[in-house]
Amino acid sequence: MTNQVQRYRRRSRGFTLIELLLVMVILAILAAVVVPKMVGRSEQAKEAAAKTGIASIETQLNTFEVDTGRYPTGEEGLQALMTPPGNAQGWHGPYLSRAPIDPWGNAYVYVYPGQHNANGFDLYTTHGGQDTSGNAINNWSAPTGQ
């Protein structure tokens, strides 16, 4: 009976420290390869969503302009797409159901008259608060990577 007990104890000891360290090293190598690729994809997806959001808001602003004969003023902002401004004749909205939020959780920035689009408006996102100049994702730069 002692031989059987000793064999059982040898089999049920578990993993050695070397085996555990080897598994941890393999997992760390896999994480070092996979995680950076996934992080980059997430940011790319947010940037694509922000560009789509800007294009959608532009469409609604242009519809507002066709209906009323003007774009919302800088003071009225994008709120004019949801509730009619007092002096907007021909308003057929709401053009948006709620205030647009970029993928980083911030409001899109609307400027009228535009500083970059002289005969229109500037619309941009602050890219998660990293770029308050609007140079990252906006409606005045040529599309990149397309």
C-alpha atoms as a PDB file:
ATOM      1  CA  MET A   1       0.000   0.000   0.000  1.00  0.00           C
ATOM      2  CA  THR A   2       2.859   2.382   0.600  1.00  0.00           C
ATOM      3  CA  ASN A   3       4.005   2.138  -3.021  1.00  0.00           C
ATOM      4  CA  GLN A   4       0.573   3.083  -4.275  1.00  0.00           C
ATOM      5  CA  VAL A   5       0.363   6.065  -1.912  1.00  0.00           C
ATOM      6  CA  GLN A   6       3.796   7.299  -2.992  1.00  0.00           C
ATOM      7  CA  ARG A   7       2.884   7.001  -6.696  1.00  0.00           C
ATOM      8  CA  TYR A   8      -0.363   8.881  -6.107  1.00  0.00           C
ATOM      9  CA  ARG A   9       1.441  11.661  -4.240  1.00  0.00           C
ATOM     10  CA  ARG A  10       3.991  12.033  -7.051  1.00  0.00           C
ATOM     11  CA  ARG A  11       1.242  12.352  -9.657  1.00  0.00           C
ATOM     12  CA  SER A  12      -0.839  14.837  -7.673  1.00  0.00           C
ATOM     13  CA  ARG A  13       1.937  17.202  -6.642  1.00  0.00           C
ATOM     14  CA  GLY A  14       1.010  19.837  -9.232  1.00  0.00           C
ATOM     15  CA  PHE A  15       3.320  21.960 -11.311  1.00  0.00           C
ATOM     16  CA  THR A  16       6.886  22.809 -10.482  1.00  0.00           C
ATOM     17  CA  LEU A  17       8.035  26.394 -10.218  1.00  0.00           C
ATOM     18  CA  ILE A  18       9.935  26.060 -13.490  1.00  0.00           C
ATOM     19  CA  GLU A  19       6.801  24.863 -15.301  1.00  0.00           C
ATOM     20  CA  LEU A  20       4.759  27.760 -13.938  1.00  0.00           C
ATOM     21  CA  LEU A  21       7.437  30.277 -14.914  1.00  0.00           C
ATOM     22  CA  LEU A  22       7.624  28.820 -18.411  1.00  0.00           C
ATOM     23  CA  VAL A  23       3.856  29.163 -18.869  1.00  0.00           C
ATOM     24  CA  MET A  24       3.979  32.764 -17.579  1.00  0.00           C
ATOM     25  CA  VAL A  25       6.771  33.653 -20.020  1.00  0.00           C
ATOM     26  CA  ILE A  26       4.816  32.173 -22.928  1.00  0.00           C
ATOM     27  CA  LEU A  27       1.700  34.147 -21.917  1.00  0.00           C
ATOM     28  CA  ALA A  28       3.730  37.344 -21.585  1.00  0.00           C
ATOM     29  CA  ILE A  29       5.203  36.889 -25.065  1.00  0.00           C
ATOM     30  CA  LEU A  30       1.755  36.297 -26.536  1.00  0.00           C
ATOM     31  CA  ALA A  31       0.381  39.372 -24.774  1.00  0.00           C
ATOM     32  CA  ALA A  32       3.295  41.487 -26.007  1.00  0.00           C
ATOM     33  CA  VAL A  33       2.501  40.505 -29.583  1.00  0.00           C
ATOM     34  CA  VAL A  34      -1.311  40.587 -29.509  1.00  0.00           C
ATOM     35  CA  VAL A  35      -2.178  43.545 -27.246  1.00  0.00           C
ATOM     36  CA  PRO A  36      -0.505  46.314 -29.304  1.00  0.00           C
ATOM     37  CA  LYS A  37      -2.317  45.142 -32.432  1.00  0.00           C
ATOM     38  CA  MET A  38      -5.682  45.223 -30.681  1.00  0.00           C
ATOM     39  CA  VAL A  39      -5.076  48.641 -29.123  1.00  0.00           C
ATOM     40  CA  GLY A  40      -4.310  50.155 -32.524  1.00  0.00           C
ATOM     41  CA  ARG A  41      -7.479  48.696 -34.013  1.00  0.00           C
ATOM     42  CA  SER A  42      -9.601  50.209 -31.292  1.00  0.00           C
ATOM     43  CA  GLU A  43      -8.232  53.680 -31.949  1.00  0.00           C
ATOM     44  CA  GLN A  44      -8.682  53.250 -35.703  1.00  0.00           C
ATOM     45  CA  ALA A  45     -12.304  52.262 -35.150  1.00  0.00           C
ATOM     46  CA  LYS A  46     -12.922  55.358 -33.019  1.00  0.00           C
ATOM     47  CA  GLU A  47     -11.372  57.610 -35.665  1.00  0.00           C
ATOM     48  CA  ALA A  48     -13.514  56.037 -38.393  1.00  0.00           C
ATOM     49  CA  ALA A  49     -16.629  56.479 -36.249  1.00  0.00           C
ATOM     50  CA  ALA A  50     -15.738  60.143 -35.647  1.00  0.00           C
ATOM     51  CA  LYS A  51     -15.325  60.757 -39.399  1.00  0.00           C
ATOM     52  CA  THR A  52     -18.694  59.121 -40.019  1.00  0.00           C
ATOM     53  CA  GLY A  53     -20.250  61.238 -37.274  1.00  0.00           C
ATOM     54  CA  ILE A  54     -18.897  64.438 -38.812  1.00  0.00           C
ATOM     55  CA  ALA A  55     -20.228  63.452 -42.249  1.00  0.00           C
ATOM     56  CA  SER A  56     -23.658  62.717 -40.768  1.00  0.00           C
ATOM     57  CA  ILE A  57     -23.804  66.012 -38.874  1.00  0.00           C
ATOM     58  CA  GLU A  58     -22.691  67.859 -42.031  1.00  0.00           C
ATOM     59  CA  THR A  59     -25.615  66.324 -43.910  1.00  0.00           C
ATOM     60  CA  GLN A  60     -28.047  67.494 -41.240  1.00  0.00           C
ATOM     61  CA  LEU A  61     -26.525  70.990 -41.175  1.00  0.00           C
ATOM     62  CA  ASN A  62     -26.881  71.213 -44.958  1.00  0.00           C
ATOM     63  CA  THR A  63     -30.518  70.106 -44.694  1.00  0.00           C
ATOM     64  CA  PHE A  64     -31.082  72.802 -42.050  1.00  0.00           C
ATOM     65  CA  GLU A  65     -29.531  75.345 -44.439  1.00  0.00           C
ATOM     66  CA  VAL A  66     -31.768  74.258 -47.331  1.00  0.00           C
ATOM     67  CA  ASP A  67     -34.878  74.539 -45.132  1.00  0.00           C
ATOM     68  CA  THR A  68     -34.067  77.831 -43.394  1.00  0.00           C
ATOM     69  CA  GLY A  69     -31.751  79.562 -45.861  1.00  0.00           C
ATOM     70  CA  ARG A  70     -28.890  79.728 -43.363  1.00  0.00           C
ATOM     71  CA  TYR A  71     -26.672  77.631 -41.118  1.00  0.00           C
ATOM     72  CA  PRO A  72     -27.113  77.756 -37.339  1.00  0.00           C
ATOM     73  CA  THR A  73     -25.144  80.580 -35.781  1.00  0.00           C
ATOM     74  CA  GLY A  74     -22.195  79.828 -33.560  1.00  0.00           C
ATOM     75  CA  GLU A  75     -24.319  80.722 -30.526  1.00  0.00           C
ATOM     76  CA  GLU A  76     -27.185  78.425 -31.593  1.00  0.00           C
ATOM     77  CA  GLY A  77     -24.723  75.623 -32.259  1.00  0.00           C
ATOM     78  CA  LEU A  78     -25.791  72.083 -32.986  1.00  0.00           C
ATOM     79  CA  GLN A  79     -28.712  72.515 -30.585  1.00  0.00           C
ATOM     80  CA  ALA A  80     -30.495  74.257 -33.496  1.00  0.00           C
ATOM     81  CA  LEU A  81     -30.702  70.866 -35.189  1.00  0.00           C
ATOM     82  CA  MET A  82     -32.785  69.504 -32.317  1.00  0.00           C
ATOM     83  CA  THR A  83     -34.958  72.436 -31.243  1.00  0.00           C
ATOM     84  CA  PRO A  84     -36.042  75.288 -33.525  1.00  0.00           C
ATOM     85  CA  PRO A  85     -34.233  78.569 -32.972  1.00  0.00           C
ATOM     86  CA  GLY A  86     -36.574  81.521 -32.479  1.00  0.00           C
ATOM     87  CA  ASN A  87     -35.757  83.215 -35.776  1.00  0.00           C
ATOM     88  CA  ALA A  88     -35.470  80.164 -38.075  1.00  0.00           C
ATOM     89  CA  GLN A  89     -38.286  80.270 -40.623  1.00  0.00           C
ATOM     90  CA  GLY A  90     -38.872  77.058 -42.536  1.00  0.00           C
ATOM     91  CA  TRP A  91     -37.384  74.818 -39.840  1.00  0.00           C
ATOM     92  CA  HIS A  92     -38.583  71.245 -40.513  1.00  0.00           C
ATOM     93  CA  GLY A  93     -36.647  69.410 -37.825  1.00  0.00           C
ATOM     94  CA  PRO A  94     -35.650  67.930 -35.609  1.00  0.00           C
ATOM     95  CA  TYR A  95     -32.678  67.062 -37.767  1.00  0.00           C
ATOM     96  CA  LEU A  96     -30.976  65.172 -34.950  1.00  0.00           C
ATOM     97  CA  SER A  97     -32.693  63.230 -32.171  1.00  0.00           C
ATOM     98  CA  ARG A  98     -30.009  64.000 -29.577  1.00  0.00           C
ATOM     99  CA  ALA A  99     -26.789  65.950 -29.170  1.00  0.00           C
ATOM    100  CA  PRO A 100     -24.014  64.221 -31.120  1.00  0.00           C
ATOM    101  CA  ILE A 101     -21.177  62.822 -29.033  1.00  0.00           C
ATOM    102  CA  ASP A 102     -17.842  61.687 -30.482  1.00  0.00           C
ATOM    103  CA  PRO A 103     -16.459  58.193 -29.758  1.00  0.00           C
ATOM    104  CA  TRP A 104     -14.374  59.578 -26.871  1.00  0.00           C
ATOM    105  CA  GLY A 105     -17.490  60.919 -25.125  1.00  0.00           C
ATOM    106  CA  ASN A 106     -17.081  64.609 -26.020  1.00  0.00           C
ATOM    107  CA  ALA A 107     -19.382  66.901 -27.966  1.00  0.00           C
ATOM    108  CA  TYR A 108     -18.448  67.742 -31.544  1.00  0.00           C
ATOM    109  CA  VAL A 109     -17.289  71.334 -31.957  1.00  0.00           C
ATOM    110  CA  TYR A 110     -19.286  73.520 -34.384  1.00  0.00           C
ATOM    111  CA  VAL A 111     -18.020  76.955 -35.440  1.00  0.00           C
ATOM    112  CA  TYR A 112     -19.973  79.323 -37.699  1.00  0.00           C
ATOM    113  CA  PRO A 113     -18.810  81.220 -39.605  1.00  0.00           C
ATOM    114  CA  GLY A 114     -16.001  78.812 -40.230  1.00  0.00           C
ATOM    115  CA  GLN A 115     -12.373  79.793 -39.842  1.00  0.00           C
ATOM    116  CA  HIS A 116     -11.245  77.076 -42.272  1.00  0.00           C
ATOM    117  CA  ASN A 117     -14.394  76.947 -44.424  1.00  0.00           C
ATOM    118  CA  ALA A 118     -14.924  80.610 -45.213  1.00  0.00           C
ATOM    119  CA  ASN A 119     -18.379  80.159 -46.792  1.00  0.00           C
ATOM    120  CA  GLY A 120     -19.560  77.515 -44.375  1.00  0.00           C
ATOM    121  CA  PHE A 121     -18.905  76.023 -40.991  1.00  0.00           C
ATOM    122  CA  ASP A 122     -16.120  74.188 -39.219  1.00  0.00           C
ATOM    123  CA  LEU A 123     -16.961  70.914 -37.536  1.00  0.00           C
ATOM    124  CA  TYR A 124     -14.434  68.835 -35.635  1.00  0.00           C
ATOM    125  CA  THR A 125     -13.776  66.560 -32.721  1.00  0.00           C
ATOM    126  CA  THR A 126     -11.167  67.123 -30.044  1.00  0.00           C
ATOM    127  CA  HIS A 127     -10.022  63.487 -30.471  1.00  0.00           C
ATOM    128  CA  GLY A 128     -10.590  62.564 -26.855  1.00  0.00           C
ATOM    129  CA  GLY A 129      -9.368  65.933 -25.586  1.00  0.00           C
ATOM    130  CA  GLN A 130      -5.931  65.400 -27.126  1.00  0.00           C
ATOM    131  CA  ASP A 131      -6.321  67.882 -30.000  1.00  0.00           C
ATOM    132  CA  THR A 132      -8.301  71.013 -29.169  1.00  0.00           C
ATOM    133  CA  SER A 133      -7.202  72.682 -32.435  1.00  0.00           C
ATOM    134  CA  GLY A 134      -9.417  70.338 -34.441  1.00  0.00           C
ATOM    135  CA  ASN A 135      -6.603  69.314 -36.733  1.00  0.00           C
ATOM    136  CA  ALA A 136      -7.089  65.590 -36.153  1.00  0.00           C
ATOM    137  CA  ILE A 137     -10.620  64.848 -37.389  1.00  0.00           C
ATOM    138  CA  ASN A 138     -12.526  67.668 -39.064  1.00  0.00           C
ATOM    139  CA  ASN A 139     -14.523  68.741 -42.112  1.00  0.00           C
ATOM    140  CA  TRP A 140     -11.866  70.904 -43.751  1.00  0.00           C
ATOM    141  CA  SER A 141      -8.898  68.542 -44.197  1.00  0.00           C
ATOM    142  CA  ALA A 142      -8.561  66.228 -47.146  1.00  0.00           C
ATOM    143  CA  PRO A 143      -9.337  62.611 -46.178  1.00  0.00           C
ATOM    144  CA  THR A 144      -6.222  60.584 -45.452  1.00  0.00           C
ATOM    145  CA  GLY A 145      -5.687  56.892 -45.968  1.00  0.00           C
ATOM    146  CA  GLN A 146      -8.596  56.465 -48.369  1.00  0.00           C
END
